[in-house]
Amino acid sequence: MPAPLAERPLAVPHPSRLSPEDPAYDEILSVHARAMAAGEPGYLDPASGLYVMTAAYHADRGACCGNGCRHCPYVA
């Protein structure tokens, strides 16, 4: 049975995973939104250059993996 998703939109990461105070917050959310709209599983982080999985990708997995992912939709 899939784990319950948090009660926030997939486009909004939990503040413990990405603070709204982060200087790259708006840019990260924009890149994340484009990746989700395109059906991509992830995107290149504009701040670090690392590949980051989208919230939609994580939601499709059905459960939290416990790795502290930025866009984990299971963090309440």
C-alpha atoms as a PDB file:
ATOM      1  CA  MET A   1       0.000   0.000   0.000  1.00  0.00           C
ATOM      2  CA  PRO A   2       1.447   3.414  -0.948  1.00  0.00           C
ATOM      3  CA  ALA A   3       2.471   5.801   1.822  1.00  0.00           C
ATOM      4  CA  PRO A   4       0.298   8.893   2.317  1.00  0.00           C
ATOM      5  CA  LEU A   5       1.491  12.061   0.632  1.00  0.00           C
ATOM      6  CA  ALA A   6       1.986  15.232   2.675  1.00  0.00           C
ATOM      7  CA  GLU A   7      -0.812  17.791   2.523  1.00  0.00           C
ATOM      8  CA  ARG A   8       1.004  20.311   0.329  1.00  0.00           C
ATOM      9  CA  PRO A   9       1.319  20.686  -3.440  1.00  0.00           C
ATOM     10  CA  LEU A  10       4.035  18.605  -5.105  1.00  0.00           C
ATOM     11  CA  ALA A  11       5.551  21.841  -6.390  1.00  0.00           C
ATOM     12  CA  VAL A  12       6.330  23.033  -2.841  1.00  0.00           C
ATOM     13  CA  PRO A  13       9.166  21.285  -0.976  1.00  0.00           C
ATOM     14  CA  HIS A  14       9.062  20.964   2.804  1.00  0.00           C
ATOM     15  CA  PRO A  15      10.955  23.948   4.307  1.00  0.00           C
ATOM     16  CA  SER A  16      13.289  21.555   6.124  1.00  0.00           C
ATOM     17  CA  ARG A  17      14.434  20.266   2.718  1.00  0.00           C
ATOM     18  CA  LEU A  18      14.575  23.613   0.895  1.00  0.00           C
ATOM     19  CA  SER A  19      14.220  26.793   2.888  1.00  0.00           C
ATOM     20  CA  PRO A  20      12.273  29.654   1.327  1.00  0.00           C
ATOM     21  CA  GLU A  21      15.228  31.763   2.506  1.00  0.00           C
ATOM     22  CA  ASP A  22      17.625  29.894   0.195  1.00  0.00           C
ATOM     23  CA  PRO A  23      19.027  32.400  -2.356  1.00  0.00           C
ATOM     24  CA  ALA A  24      18.293  29.961  -5.201  1.00  0.00           C
ATOM     25  CA  TYR A  25      14.768  29.042  -3.961  1.00  0.00           C
ATOM     26  CA  ASP A  26      12.800  30.664  -6.812  1.00  0.00           C
ATOM     27  CA  GLU A  27      15.178  29.388  -9.479  1.00  0.00           C
ATOM     28  CA  ILE A  28      15.087  25.850  -8.037  1.00  0.00           C
ATOM     29  CA  LEU A  29      11.283  25.842  -7.936  1.00  0.00           C
ATOM     30  CA  SER A  30      11.162  27.090 -11.525  1.00  0.00           C
ATOM     31  CA  VAL A  31      13.506  24.355 -12.788  1.00  0.00           C
ATOM     32  CA  HIS A  32      11.609  21.762 -10.746  1.00  0.00           C
ATOM     33  CA  ALA A  33       8.268  22.908 -12.195  1.00  0.00           C
ATOM     34  CA  ARG A  34       9.612  22.724 -15.760  1.00  0.00           C
ATOM     35  CA  ALA A  35      10.918  19.194 -15.173  1.00  0.00           C
ATOM     36  CA  MET A  36       7.589  18.046 -13.725  1.00  0.00           C
ATOM     37  CA  ALA A  37       5.620  19.662 -16.580  1.00  0.00           C
ATOM     38  CA  ALA A  38       7.843  17.868 -19.085  1.00  0.00           C
ATOM     39  CA  GLY A  39       7.421  14.535 -17.294  1.00  0.00           C
ATOM     40  CA  GLU A  40      11.133  14.382 -16.509  1.00  0.00           C
ATOM     41  CA  PRO A  41      12.195  12.349 -13.442  1.00  0.00           C
ATOM     42  CA  GLY A  42      14.603  15.064 -12.301  1.00  0.00           C
ATOM     43  CA  TYR A  43      16.601  18.171 -13.121  1.00  0.00           C
ATOM     44  CA  LEU A  44      20.078  19.626 -12.748  1.00  0.00           C
ATOM     45  CA  ASP A  45      20.203  21.739  -9.614  1.00  0.00           C
ATOM     46  CA  PRO A  46      21.115  25.310 -10.617  1.00  0.00           C
ATOM     47  CA  ALA A  47      23.103  25.841  -7.399  1.00  0.00           C
ATOM     48  CA  SER A  48      25.095  22.600  -7.117  1.00  0.00           C
ATOM     49  CA  GLY A  49      24.881  21.003 -10.564  1.00  0.00           C
ATOM     50  CA  LEU A  50      23.684  17.737  -8.992  1.00  0.00           C
ATOM     51  CA  TYR A  51      20.798  15.768 -10.487  1.00  0.00           C
ATOM     52  CA  VAL A  52      17.718  16.097  -8.236  1.00  0.00           C
ATOM     53  CA  MET A  53      14.624  13.906  -8.507  1.00  0.00           C
ATOM     54  CA  THR A  54      11.233  15.662  -8.773  1.00  0.00           C
ATOM     55  CA  ALA A  55       8.378  15.336  -6.282  1.00  0.00           C
ATOM     56  CA  ALA A  56       6.324  13.568  -8.970  1.00  0.00           C
ATOM     57  CA  TYR A  57       9.070  10.949  -9.371  1.00  0.00           C
ATOM     58  CA  HIS A  58       9.108  10.364  -5.611  1.00  0.00           C
ATOM     59  CA  ALA A  59       5.301  10.209  -5.410  1.00  0.00           C
ATOM     60  CA  ASP A  60       5.269   7.560  -8.153  1.00  0.00           C
ATOM     61  CA  ARG A  61       7.697   5.452  -6.081  1.00  0.00           C
ATOM     62  CA  GLY A  62       4.985   5.093  -3.436  1.00  0.00           C
ATOM     63  CA  ALA A  63       7.124   5.563  -0.310  1.00  0.00           C
ATOM     64  CA  CYS A  64       9.890   7.640   1.204  1.00  0.00           C
ATOM     65  CA  CYS A  65      13.354   6.174   0.654  1.00  0.00           C
ATOM     66  CA  GLY A  66      14.763   7.868   3.761  1.00  0.00           C
ATOM     67  CA  ASN A  67      17.595   9.657   1.955  1.00  0.00           C
ATOM     68  CA  GLY A  68      16.487  13.213   2.783  1.00  0.00           C
ATOM     69  CA  CYS A  69      15.475  14.105  -0.759  1.00  0.00           C
ATOM     70  CA  ARG A  70      14.744  17.775  -1.463  1.00  0.00           C
ATOM     71  CA  HIS A  71      11.337  17.194  -3.050  1.00  0.00           C
ATOM     72  CA  CYS A  72      10.142  14.231  -0.939  1.00  0.00           C
ATOM     73  CA  PRO A  73       6.324  14.425  -0.997  1.00  0.00           C
ATOM     74  CA  TYR A  74       6.065  12.244   2.119  1.00  0.00           C
ATOM     75  CA  VAL A  75       7.663  14.691   4.584  1.00  0.00           C
ATOM     76  CA  ALA A  76       4.839  16.169   6.640  1.00  0.00           C
END
